[in-house]
C-alpha atoms as a PDB file:
ATOM      1  CA  MET A   1      87.803 118.147  90.049  1.00  0.00           C
ATOM      2  CA  GLY A   2      90.074 116.731  87.586  1.00  0.00           C
ATOM      3  CA  GLU A   3      89.717 112.759  88.165  1.00  0.00           C
ATOM      4  CA  ILE A   4      85.723 112.889  88.239  1.00  0.00           C
ATOM      5  CA  ARG A   5      85.317 114.671  85.331  1.00  0.00           C
ATOM      6  CA  ALA A   6      88.045 112.641  83.532  1.00  0.00           C
ATOM      7  CA  ALA A   7      86.343 109.468  84.372  1.00  0.00           C
ATOM      8  CA  LYS A   8      82.732 110.731  82.816  1.00  0.00           C
ATOM      9  CA  VAL A   9      84.436 112.122  79.574  1.00  0.00           C
ATOM     10  CA  ASN A  10      85.822 108.679  79.008  1.00  0.00           C
ATOM     11  CA  ASN A  11      82.883 106.802  80.037  1.00  0.00           C
ATOM     12  CA  GLY A  12      80.099 108.765  78.496  1.00  0.00           C
ATOM     13  CA  GLN A  13      77.007 109.010  80.080  1.00  0.00           C
ATOM     14  CA  THR A  14      77.787 106.087  82.649  1.00  0.00           C
ATOM     15  CA  GLY A  15      79.114 106.692  85.888  1.00  0.00           C
ATOM     16  CA  VAL A  16      82.527 105.300  88.136  1.00  0.00           C
ATOM     17  CA  LEU A  17      82.470 103.229  91.200  1.00  0.00           C
ATOM     18  CA  TYR A  18      85.463 104.318  93.143  1.00  0.00           C
ATOM     19  CA  LEU A  19      86.907 101.858  96.137  1.00  0.00           C
ATOM     20  CA  CYS A  20      88.073 104.444  98.217  1.00  0.00           C
ATOM     21  CA  ALA A  21      90.256 102.916 101.182  1.00  0.00           C
ATOM     22  CA  THR A  22      89.618 104.603 104.875  1.00  0.00           C
ATOM     23  CA  PRO A  23      92.022 104.884 107.967  1.00  0.00           C
ATOM     24  CA  ILE A  24      91.810 101.431 110.481  1.00  0.00           C
ATOM     25  CA  GLY A  25      92.389 103.673 113.436  1.00  0.00           C
ATOM     26  CA  ASN A  26      94.761 106.964 112.560  1.00  0.00           C
ATOM     27  CA  LEU A  27      92.850 109.750 110.240  1.00  0.00           C
ATOM     28  CA  GLY A  28      95.959 110.931 109.117  1.00  0.00           C
ATOM     29  CA  ASP A  29      96.678 107.523 107.258  1.00  0.00           C
ATOM     30  CA  ILE A  30      93.505 109.012 104.346  1.00  0.00           C
ATOM     31  CA  THR A  31      95.125 109.909 101.345  1.00  0.00           C
ATOM     32  CA  GLN A  32      94.478 113.013  99.611  1.00  0.00           C
ATOM     33  CA  ARG A  33      92.807 111.439  96.448  1.00  0.00           C
ATOM     34  CA  VAL A  34      90.352 110.012  98.626  1.00  0.00           C
ATOM     35  CA  ILE A  35      89.557 113.193 100.146  1.00  0.00           C
ATOM     36  CA  ASP A  36      89.173 114.455  97.136  1.00  0.00           C
ATOM     37  CA  THR A  37      87.111 111.973  95.715  1.00  0.00           C
ATOM     38  CA  LEU A  38      84.957 111.794  98.300  1.00  0.00           C
ATOM     39  CA  ARG A  39      83.986 115.637  97.837  1.00  0.00           C
ATOM     40  CA  GLU A  40      83.451 115.458  94.646  1.00  0.00           C
ATOM     41  CA  VAL A  41      81.618 111.976  93.600  1.00  0.00           C
ATOM     42  CA  ASP A  42      77.404 112.169  93.836  1.00  0.00           C
ATOM     43  CA  LEU A  43      77.230 109.807  96.190  1.00  0.00           C
ATOM     44  CA  ILE A  44      79.076 107.911  99.083  1.00  0.00           C
ATOM     45  CA  ALA A  45      77.872 104.324  99.585  1.00  0.00           C
ATOM     46  CA  ALA A  46      78.949 103.403 103.156  1.00  0.00           C
ATOM     47  CA  GLU A  47      78.725 100.137 105.493  1.00  0.00           C
ATOM     48  CA  ASP A  48      77.972 101.965 107.973  1.00  0.00           C
ATOM     49  CA  THR A  49      76.617 105.826 107.673  1.00  0.00           C
ATOM     50  CA  ARG A  50      76.101 106.267 111.301  1.00  0.00           C
ATOM     51  CA  ASN A  51      80.161 105.550 111.823  1.00  0.00           C
ATOM     52  CA  SER A  52      81.199 107.153 108.315  1.00  0.00           C
ATOM     53  CA  ILE A  53      79.617 110.299 109.702  1.00  0.00           C
ATOM     54  CA  LYS A  54      82.143 111.092 111.618  1.00  0.00           C
ATOM     55  CA  LEU A  55      85.176 110.566 109.277  1.00  0.00           C
ATOM     56  CA  LEU A  56      82.856 112.840 106.876  1.00  0.00           C
ATOM     57  CA  ASN A  57      82.619 115.731 109.177  1.00  0.00           C
ATOM     58  CA  HIS A  58      86.066 115.525 109.947  1.00  0.00           C
ATOM     59  CA  PHE A  59      87.438 116.262 106.593  1.00  0.00           C
ATOM     60  CA  ASP A  60      84.246 118.605 105.991  1.00  0.00           C
ATOM     61  CA  ILE A  61      82.946 116.423 103.015  1.00  0.00           C
ATOM     62  CA  HIS A  62      79.094 116.922 102.919  1.00  0.00           C
ATOM     63  CA  THR A  63      78.842 114.524 100.410  1.00  0.00           C
ATOM     64  CA  GLN A  64      74.895 112.589 100.062  1.00  0.00           C
ATOM     65  CA  MET A  65      75.378 108.958 101.664  1.00  0.00           C
ATOM     66  CA  THR A  66      73.628 105.461 101.568  1.00  0.00           C
ATOM     67  CA  SER A  67      74.152 102.571 103.687  1.00  0.00           C
ATOM     68  CA  TYR A  68      75.576  99.584 101.838  1.00  0.00           C
ATOM     69  CA  HIS A  69      76.396  96.427 104.053  1.00  0.00           C
ATOM     70  CA  GLU A  70      76.166  92.746 104.438  1.00  0.00           C
ATOM     71  CA  TYR A  71      72.502  92.205 104.238  1.00  0.00           C
ATOM     72  CA  ASN A  72      71.623  94.544 101.626  1.00  0.00           C
ATOM     73  CA  LYS A  73      74.824  93.557  99.280  1.00  0.00           C
ATOM     74  CA  VAL A  74      72.525  92.424  96.248  1.00  0.00           C
ATOM     75  CA  GLU A  75      69.838  94.682  96.240  1.00  0.00           C
ATOM     76  CA  LYS A  76      71.232  97.754  96.471  1.00  0.00           C
ATOM     77  CA  ALA A  77      73.829  96.862  94.555  1.00  0.00           C
ATOM     78  CA  ALA A  78      71.459  96.672  91.808  1.00  0.00           C
ATOM     79  CA  TRP A  79      70.535 100.234  92.589  1.00  0.00           C
ATOM     80  CA  LEU A  80      73.545 102.113  92.795  1.00  0.00           C
ATOM     81  CA  ILE A  81      74.440 100.007  89.305  1.00  0.00           C
ATOM     82  CA  ALA A  82      71.164 102.600  88.092  1.00  0.00           C
ATOM     83  CA  GLN A  83      72.676 105.448  89.957  1.00  0.00           C
ATOM     84  CA  MET A  84      75.636 104.725  88.085  1.00  0.00           C
ATOM     85  CA  LYS A  85      74.499 104.039  84.521  1.00  0.00           C
ATOM     86  CA  GLU A  86      72.582 107.497  84.778  1.00  0.00           C
ATOM     87  CA  GLY A  87      75.646 109.278  84.855  1.00  0.00           C
ATOM     88  CA  LYS A  88      76.490 109.341  89.002  1.00  0.00           C
ATOM     89  CA  ASN A  89      79.852 108.785  89.801  1.00  0.00           C
ATOM     90  CA  VAL A  90      79.658 106.830  93.437  1.00  0.00           C
ATOM     91  CA  ALA A  91      82.395 105.672  95.746  1.00  0.00           C
ATOM     92  CA  LEU A  92      82.304 102.676  98.587  1.00  0.00           C
ATOM     93  CA  ILE A  93      84.070 102.827 101.982  1.00  0.00           C
ATOM     94  CA  THR A  94      83.692 100.157 104.320  1.00  0.00           C
ATOM     95  CA  ASP A  95      83.769 101.478 108.238  1.00  0.00           C
ATOM     96  CA  ALA A  96      88.160 100.763 107.779  1.00  0.00           C
ATOM     97  CA  GLY A  97      90.039  99.733 105.598  1.00  0.00           C
ATOM     98  CA  THR A  98      89.946  98.796 101.520  1.00  0.00           C
ATOM     99  CA  PRO A  99      86.468  97.974 100.467  1.00  0.00           C
ATOM    100  CA  ALA A 100      86.227  94.681  99.070  1.00  0.00           C
ATOM    101  CA  ILE A 101      88.464  92.648 101.237  1.00  0.00           C
ATOM    102  CA  SER A 102      86.459  90.278 103.061  1.00  0.00           C
ATOM    103  CA  ASP A 103      83.868  92.898 102.496  1.00  0.00           C
ATOM    104  CA  PRO A 104      80.358  93.025 100.802  1.00  0.00           C
ATOM    105  CA  GLY A 105      82.074  95.503  98.169  1.00  0.00           C
ATOM    106  CA  GLU A 106      83.407  92.424  96.501  1.00  0.00           C
ATOM    107  CA  VAL A 107      79.147  91.792  95.440  1.00  0.00           C
ATOM    108  CA  LEU A 108      79.143  94.986  93.957  1.00  0.00           C
ATOM    109  CA  VAL A 109      82.620  95.131  92.281  1.00  0.00           C
ATOM    110  CA  ALA A 110      81.664  91.689  90.566  1.00  0.00           C
ATOM    111  CA  MET A 111      78.213  93.254  89.380  1.00  0.00           C
ATOM    112  CA  CYS A 112      79.668  96.385  87.680  1.00  0.00           C
ATOM    113  CA  HIS A 113      82.144  93.538  85.711  1.00  0.00           C
ATOM    114  CA  THR A 114      78.658  92.551  84.176  1.00  0.00           C
ATOM    115  CA  GLU A 115      77.123  95.834  84.168  1.00  0.00           C
ATOM    116  CA  GLY A 116      80.483  97.424  82.138  1.00  0.00           C
ATOM    117  CA  ILE A 117      80.672  99.681  84.807  1.00  0.00           C
ATOM    118  CA  HIS A 118      83.918 101.030  85.214  1.00  0.00           C
ATOM    119  CA  VAL A 119      85.724 100.273  88.930  1.00  0.00           C
ATOM    120  CA  THR A 120      88.312 101.885  90.146  1.00  0.00           C
ATOM    121  CA  SER A 121      90.480 101.306  93.491  1.00  0.00           C
ATOM    122  CA  LEU A 122      91.841 104.239  95.618  1.00  0.00           C
ATOM    123  CA  PRO A 123      94.783 102.590  97.549  1.00  0.00           C
ATOM    124  CA  GLY A 124      94.910 102.939 101.361  1.00  0.00           C
ATOM    125  CA  ALA A 125      95.024 101.534 104.742  1.00  0.00           C
ATOM    126  CA  CYS A 126      94.353  98.033 105.030  1.00  0.00           C
ATOM    127  CA  ALA A 127      94.454  95.869 107.946  1.00  0.00           C
ATOM    128  CA  ALA A 128      96.183  92.182 106.868  1.00  0.00           C
ATOM    129  CA  ILE A 129      99.226  94.086 104.673  1.00  0.00           C
ATOM    130  CA  THR A 130      99.741  96.618 107.741  1.00  0.00           C
ATOM    131  CA  ALA A 131      99.928  93.548 110.579  1.00  0.00           C
ATOM    132  CA  LEU A 132     101.522  91.168 107.697  1.00  0.00           C
ATOM    133  CA  THR A 133     104.656  94.013 107.494  1.00  0.00           C
ATOM    134  CA  LEU A 134     104.836  94.297 111.751  1.00  0.00           C
ATOM    135  CA  SER A 135     104.760  90.199 112.700  1.00  0.00           C
ATOM    136  CA  GLY A 136     108.626  89.555 111.568  1.00  0.00           C
ATOM    137  CA  LEU A 137     106.825  86.657 110.213  1.00  0.00           C
ATOM    138  CA  SER A 138     107.980  85.604 106.118  1.00  0.00           C
ATOM    139  CA  SER A 139     106.289  88.131 104.181  1.00  0.00           C
ATOM    140  CA  ARG A 140     107.660  86.372 100.461  1.00  0.00           C
ATOM    141  CA  ARG A 141     104.534  84.079 100.291  1.00  0.00           C
ATOM    142  CA  PHE A 142     100.911  84.859 102.730  1.00  0.00           C
ATOM    143  CA  VAL A 143      97.371  83.762 102.281  1.00  0.00           C
ATOM    144  CA  PHE A 144      94.243  85.853 103.726  1.00  0.00           C
ATOM    145  CA  GLU A 145      91.732  83.961 105.144  1.00  0.00           C
ATOM    146  CA  GLY A 146      89.465  86.765 106.938  1.00  0.00           C
ATOM    147  CA  PHE A 147      87.296  86.016 109.790  1.00  0.00           C
ATOM    148  CA  LEU A 148      86.706  82.321 110.422  1.00  0.00           C
ATOM    149  CA  PRO A 149      83.043  81.563 109.177  1.00  0.00           C
ATOM    150  CA  GLU A 150      80.780  81.040 112.274  1.00  0.00           C
ATOM    151  CA  GLU A 151      79.182  77.336 111.323  1.00  0.00           C
ATOM    152  CA  LYS A 152      81.462  74.894 113.099  1.00  0.00           C
ATOM    153  CA  LYS A 153      81.756  72.022 110.341  1.00  0.00           C
ATOM    154  CA  GLU A 154      82.735  74.769 107.893  1.00  0.00           C
ATOM    155  CA  ARG A 155      85.384  76.588 110.378  1.00  0.00           C
ATOM    156  CA  ALA A 156      86.902  73.115 111.032  1.00  0.00           C
ATOM    157  CA  GLN A 157      87.205  72.394 107.707  1.00  0.00           C
ATOM    158  CA  ILE A 158      89.211  75.124 106.882  1.00  0.00           C
ATOM    159  CA  ILE A 159      91.164  75.169 110.029  1.00  0.00           C
ATOM    160  CA  GLU A 160      92.127  71.765 108.800  1.00  0.00           C
ATOM    161  CA  GLU A 161      92.883  73.295 105.220  1.00  0.00           C
ATOM    162  CA  LEU A 162      95.377  75.974 106.739  1.00  0.00           C
ATOM    163  CA  SER A 163      96.921  73.189 108.738  1.00  0.00           C
ATOM    164  CA  GLN A 164      98.948  71.960 105.995  1.00  0.00           C
ATOM    165  CA  GLU A 165      99.848  75.674 104.597  1.00  0.00           C
ATOM    166  CA  ARG A 166     103.206  76.612 103.880  1.00  0.00           C
ATOM    167  CA  ARG A 167     102.562  80.553 103.390  1.00  0.00           C
ATOM    168  CA  THR A 168     102.450  82.650 106.469  1.00  0.00           C
ATOM    169  CA  MET A 169      98.544  83.394 107.396  1.00  0.00           C
ATOM    170  CA  ILE A 170      96.823  85.982 108.188  1.00  0.00           C
ATOM    171  CA  LEU A 171      93.505  86.467 109.771  1.00  0.00           C
ATOM    172  CA  TYR A 172      91.194  88.626 111.653  1.00  0.00           C
ATOM    173  CA  SER A 173      89.404  87.798 114.795  1.00  0.00           C
ATOM    174  CA  ALA A 174      86.724  90.168 117.168  1.00  0.00           C
ATOM    175  CA  PRO A 175      87.688  90.092 120.647  1.00  0.00           C
ATOM    176  CA  HIS A 176      84.490  88.167 121.914  1.00  0.00           C
ATOM    177  CA  ASP A 177      85.992  84.752 119.524  1.00  0.00           C
ATOM    178  CA  LEU A 178      89.739  85.079 120.190  1.00  0.00           C
ATOM    179  CA  LYS A 179      90.088  82.509 122.810  1.00  0.00           C
ATOM    180  CA  LYS A 180      88.149  80.635 120.994  1.00  0.00           C
ATOM    181  CA  ASN A 181      90.232  80.624 117.585  1.00  0.00           C
ATOM    182  CA  LEU A 182      93.002  80.318 119.275  1.00  0.00           C
ATOM    183  CA  LYS A 183      92.453  77.019 121.217  1.00  0.00           C
ATOM    184  CA  LEU A 184      90.671  75.974 117.846  1.00  0.00           C
ATOM    185  CA  LEU A 185      93.901  77.222 115.800  1.00  0.00           C
ATOM    186  CA  GLN A 186      96.351  75.364 118.095  1.00  0.00           C
ATOM    187  CA  GLN A 187      94.302  71.675 118.296  1.00  0.00           C
ATOM    188  CA  THR A 188      94.927  71.758 114.369  1.00  0.00           C
ATOM    189  CA  LEU A 189      98.277  73.311 113.769  1.00  0.00           C
ATOM    190  CA  GLY A 190     100.118  73.002 116.786  1.00  0.00           C
ATOM    191  CA  ASN A 191     102.129  75.392 118.670  1.00  0.00           C
ATOM    192  CA  ARG A 192     103.193  77.749 115.655  1.00  0.00           C
ATOM    193  CA  LYS A 193     104.766  80.907 116.043  1.00  0.00           C
ATOM    194  CA  LEU A 194     102.207  83.957 115.524  1.00  0.00           C
ATOM    195  CA  THR A 195     102.207  87.532 115.955  1.00  0.00           C
ATOM    196  CA  ILE A 196      98.840  89.124 117.418  1.00  0.00           C
ATOM    197  CA  CYS A 197      98.244  92.429 116.062  1.00  0.00           C
ATOM    198  CA  ARG A 198      95.739  94.583 118.345  1.00  0.00           C
ATOM    199  CA  GLU A 199      94.230  98.208 117.571  1.00  0.00           C
ATOM    200  CA  LEU A 200      96.487  98.518 114.455  1.00  0.00           C
ATOM    201  CA  THR A 201      97.799 102.626 114.137  1.00  0.00           C
ATOM    202  CA  LYS A 202      95.226 103.423 117.443  1.00  0.00           C
ATOM    203  CA  LYS A 203      96.154 104.831 120.136  1.00  0.00           C
ATOM    204  CA  PHE A 204      96.655 101.371 122.146  1.00  0.00           C
ATOM    205  CA  GLU A 205      98.059  99.937 119.171  1.00  0.00           C
ATOM    206  CA  SER A 206      99.942  96.159 120.263  1.00  0.00           C
ATOM    207  CA  VAL A 207     102.240  93.759 118.251  1.00  0.00           C
ATOM    208  CA  MET A 208     102.775  90.585 120.149  1.00  0.00           C
ATOM    209  CA  PRO A 209     105.411  88.062 118.293  1.00  0.00           C
ATOM    210  CA  THR A 210     104.549  84.807 120.601  1.00  0.00           C
ATOM    211  CA  THR A 211     103.738  81.157 120.037  1.00  0.00           C
ATOM    212  CA  LEU A 212      99.762  79.824 120.256  1.00  0.00           C
ATOM    213  CA  ASP A 213     100.410  77.626 123.649  1.00  0.00           C
ATOM    214  CA  GLU A 214     102.109  81.132 124.776  1.00  0.00           C
ATOM    215  CA  ALA A 215      99.047  83.256 123.491  1.00  0.00           C
ATOM    216  CA  ILE A 216      96.059  80.994 124.687  1.00  0.00           C
ATOM    217  CA  ALA A 217      98.076  81.475 128.097  1.00  0.00           C
ATOM    218  CA  TYR A 218      98.179  84.903 128.163  1.00  0.00           C
ATOM    219  CA  HIS A 219      94.557  85.777 127.310  1.00  0.00           C
ATOM    220  CA  GLU A 220      93.391  83.546 129.905  1.00  0.00           C
ATOM    221  CA  GLU A 221      94.514  86.326 132.413  1.00  0.00           C
ATOM    222  CA  ASN A 222      93.881  88.929 130.383  1.00  0.00           C
ATOM    223  CA  ASP A 223      90.253  89.766 128.309  1.00  0.00           C
ATOM    224  CA  PRO A 224      90.765  90.403 124.545  1.00  0.00           C
ATOM    225  CA  ARG A 225      89.772  93.984 123.788  1.00  0.00           C
ATOM    226  CA  GLY A 226      89.478  96.165 120.508  1.00  0.00           C
ATOM    227  CA  GLU A 227      90.108  94.412 117.579  1.00  0.00           C
ATOM    228  CA  TYR A 228      92.843  91.264 116.488  1.00  0.00           C
ATOM    229  CA  VAL A 229      94.740  90.132 113.038  1.00  0.00           C
ATOM    230  CA  LEU A 230      96.785  87.614 113.616  1.00  0.00           C
ATOM    231  CA  VAL A 231      99.410  86.170 111.506  1.00  0.00           C
ATOM    232  CA  ILE A 232     100.349  82.481 112.029  1.00  0.00           C
ATOM    233  CA  GLU A 233     103.892  81.045 110.316  1.00  0.00           C
ATOM    234  CA  GLY A 234     103.096  78.656 107.863  1.00  0.00           C
ATOM    235  CA  ARG A 235     104.223  74.899 107.906  1.00  0.00           C
ATOM    236  CA  SER A 236     107.862  74.122 106.703  1.00  0.00           C
ATOM    237  CA  ARG A 237     108.585  71.450 104.136  1.00  0.00           C
ATOM    238  CA  GLU A 238     110.283  69.680 106.418  1.00  0.00           C
ATOM    239  CA  ASP A 239     107.076  68.751 108.508  1.00  0.00           C
ATOM    240  CA  LEU A 240     105.118  68.598 105.269  1.00  0.00           C
ATOM    241  CA  GLN A 241     107.786  65.766 104.293  1.00  0.00           C
ATOM    242  CA  ALA A 242     107.993  64.258 107.186  1.00  0.00           C
ATOM    243  CA  GLN A 243     103.918  63.813 107.659  1.00  0.00           C
ATOM    244  CA  LYS A 244     104.135  62.296 104.385  1.00  0.00           C
ATOM    245  CA  ALA A 245     107.054  59.978 104.349  1.00  0.00           C
ATOM    246  CA  GLN A 246     105.032  58.680 108.073  1.00  0.00           C
ATOM    247  CA  GLN A 247     102.163  57.576 106.179  1.00  0.00           C
ATOM    248  CA  PHE A 248     104.093  55.019 104.168  1.00  0.00           C
ATOM    249  CA  GLU A 249     105.713  53.837 106.991  1.00  0.00           C
ATOM    250  CA  ASP A 250     103.942  50.440 107.480  1.00  0.00           C
ATOM    251  CA  MET A 251     104.209  49.460 103.446  1.00  0.00           C
ATOM    252  CA  SER A 252     107.010  48.403 102.227  1.00  0.00           C
ATOM    253  CA  ILE A 253     109.059  50.274  98.948  1.00  0.00           C
ATOM    254  CA  ALA A 254     108.279  47.509  96.892  1.00  0.00           C
ATOM    255  CA  GLU A 255     103.974  47.873  97.797  1.00  0.00           C
ATOM    256  CA  HIS A 256     104.602  51.660  97.453  1.00  0.00           C
ATOM    257  CA  VAL A 257     105.853  51.131  93.992  1.00  0.00           C
ATOM    258  CA  GLN A 258     103.403  48.821  93.282  1.00  0.00           C
ATOM    259  CA  LEU A 259     100.671  51.322  94.111  1.00  0.00           C
ATOM    260  CA  TYR A 260     102.235  54.178  91.756  1.00  0.00           C
ATOM    261  CA  GLU A 261     102.234  51.156  89.151  1.00  0.00           C
ATOM    262  CA  GLN A 262      98.413  49.896  89.686  1.00  0.00           C
ATOM    263  CA  LYS A 263      97.911  53.947  88.955  1.00  0.00           C
ATOM    264  CA  GLY A 264      98.937  53.303  85.473  1.00  0.00           C
ATOM    265  CA  PHE A 265     102.734  55.146  86.159  1.00  0.00           C
ATOM    266  CA  ASP A 266     105.681  53.256  84.530  1.00  0.00           C
ATOM    267  CA  ARG A 267     108.068  51.798  86.517  1.00  0.00           C
ATOM    268  CA  LYS A 268     110.518  54.526  86.535  1.00  0.00           C
ATOM    269  CA  ALA A 269     107.310  57.417  87.333  1.00  0.00           C
ATOM    270  CA  ALA A 270     106.633  55.098  90.328  1.00  0.00           C
ATOM    271  CA  MET A 271     109.854  54.465  91.519  1.00  0.00           C
ATOM    272  CA  LYS A 272     110.236  58.609  91.818  1.00  0.00           C
ATOM    273  CA  ALA A 273     107.127  59.118  93.003  1.00  0.00           C
ATOM    274  CA  ALA A 274     107.687  57.007  95.697  1.00  0.00           C
ATOM    275  CA  ALA A 275     110.730  58.424  96.496  1.00  0.00           C
ATOM    276  CA  ASP A 276     109.390  61.935  96.658  1.00  0.00           C
ATOM    277  CA  ASP A 277     106.986  60.808  99.114  1.00  0.00           C
ATOM    278  CA  ARG A 278     109.264  59.465 101.383  1.00  0.00           C
ATOM    279  CA  GLY A 279     112.079  62.000 100.839  1.00  0.00           C
ATOM    280  CA  ILE A 280     114.960  60.294  99.809  1.00  0.00           C
ATOM    281  CA  SER A 281     116.478  59.528  96.118  1.00  0.00           C
ATOM    282  CA  LYS A 282     115.766  57.376  93.310  1.00  0.00           C
ATOM    283  CA  ARG A 283     118.178  55.212  93.480  1.00  0.00           C
ATOM    284  CA  ASP A 284     117.696  54.525  97.458  1.00  0.00           C
ATOM    285  CA  ILE A 285     114.132  52.993  96.036  1.00  0.00           C
ATOM    286  CA  TYR A 286     116.360  50.929  93.442  1.00  0.00           C
ATOM    287  CA  GLN A 287     118.534  49.890  96.203  1.00  0.00           C
ATOM    288  CA  ALA A 288     115.698  49.056  98.549  1.00  0.00           C
ATOM    289  CA  LEU A 289     114.020  46.982  95.823  1.00  0.00           C
ATOM    290  CA  LEU A 290     116.947  45.069  94.953  1.00  0.00           C
ATOM    291  CA  GLN A 291     117.124  44.179  98.318  1.00  0.00           C
ATOM    292  CA  GLU A 292     113.905  43.559  99.204  1.00  0.00           C
ATOM    293  CA  LYS A 293     113.864  41.139  95.534  1.00  0.00           C
ATOM    294  CA  ASP A 294     117.084  39.244  97.537  1.00  0.00           C
ATOM    295  CA  GLY A 295     115.098  38.755 100.580  1.00  0.00           C
ATOM    296  CA  ASN A 296     112.508  37.093  99.405  1.00  0.00           C
ATOM    297  CA  THR A 297     114.968  34.657  96.822  1.00  0.00           C
ATOM    298  CA  GLU A 298     116.552  33.228  99.959  1.00  0.00           C
END
């Protein structure tokens, strides 16, 4: 009870919103701090009370629950804020993982900040980070995309943006979308390395280092089952540089430099920009300009 009582003292009569991470599969991954908090708050806002009741029963938690999900996130957030302004402490949980990650909880958090209500996060399981650590791909820099949009045009636009991404990419996929998503990614990104993580922390957890081509072929023979996290390698600096240089193959170096000069670059800056585009040194640009000039005077 210590943490909850201290929060009330520090915030006068206003309650606190606790973002409580719940297991993504194995119930042993919940923290004692989350268990204690779920027992002590006045109210638990759950994505699906039918799923969350199983978790609460397992840990002998009898706190009142209310639903908070994608389809009531705005009006219910307003109601929850009213409860906290009356001094009630609220815990937010999702069906699995950390609230506000690819989740309507972000709306409630933003509204709490606007209303001056204190928010704190009790860390725990997160499928994206778990998959990244298992992937064998670079984890120094990564980007989380979540679920691809359902709308066709928006989905195509996002995949096109990802095709230029140098960081490792993390996506979620429902089983009924997996084959379609793999094909769409392969069409735009090419045959990248990826690791497919399925049913993380559960009995039938699987981690498959593969490529997009191989993954498509595999799932033509094996129907997807369970929830998936796709961890995809980013594009290499060399590939991006080669693509950029290719854009200027039909343009002479003099024309390339002139292009930047027309944009307001001085001569030296224009030469440097052209050199960067082509992946060569500024000295190479200078020599090429001299040769082109000599050729034009003959």
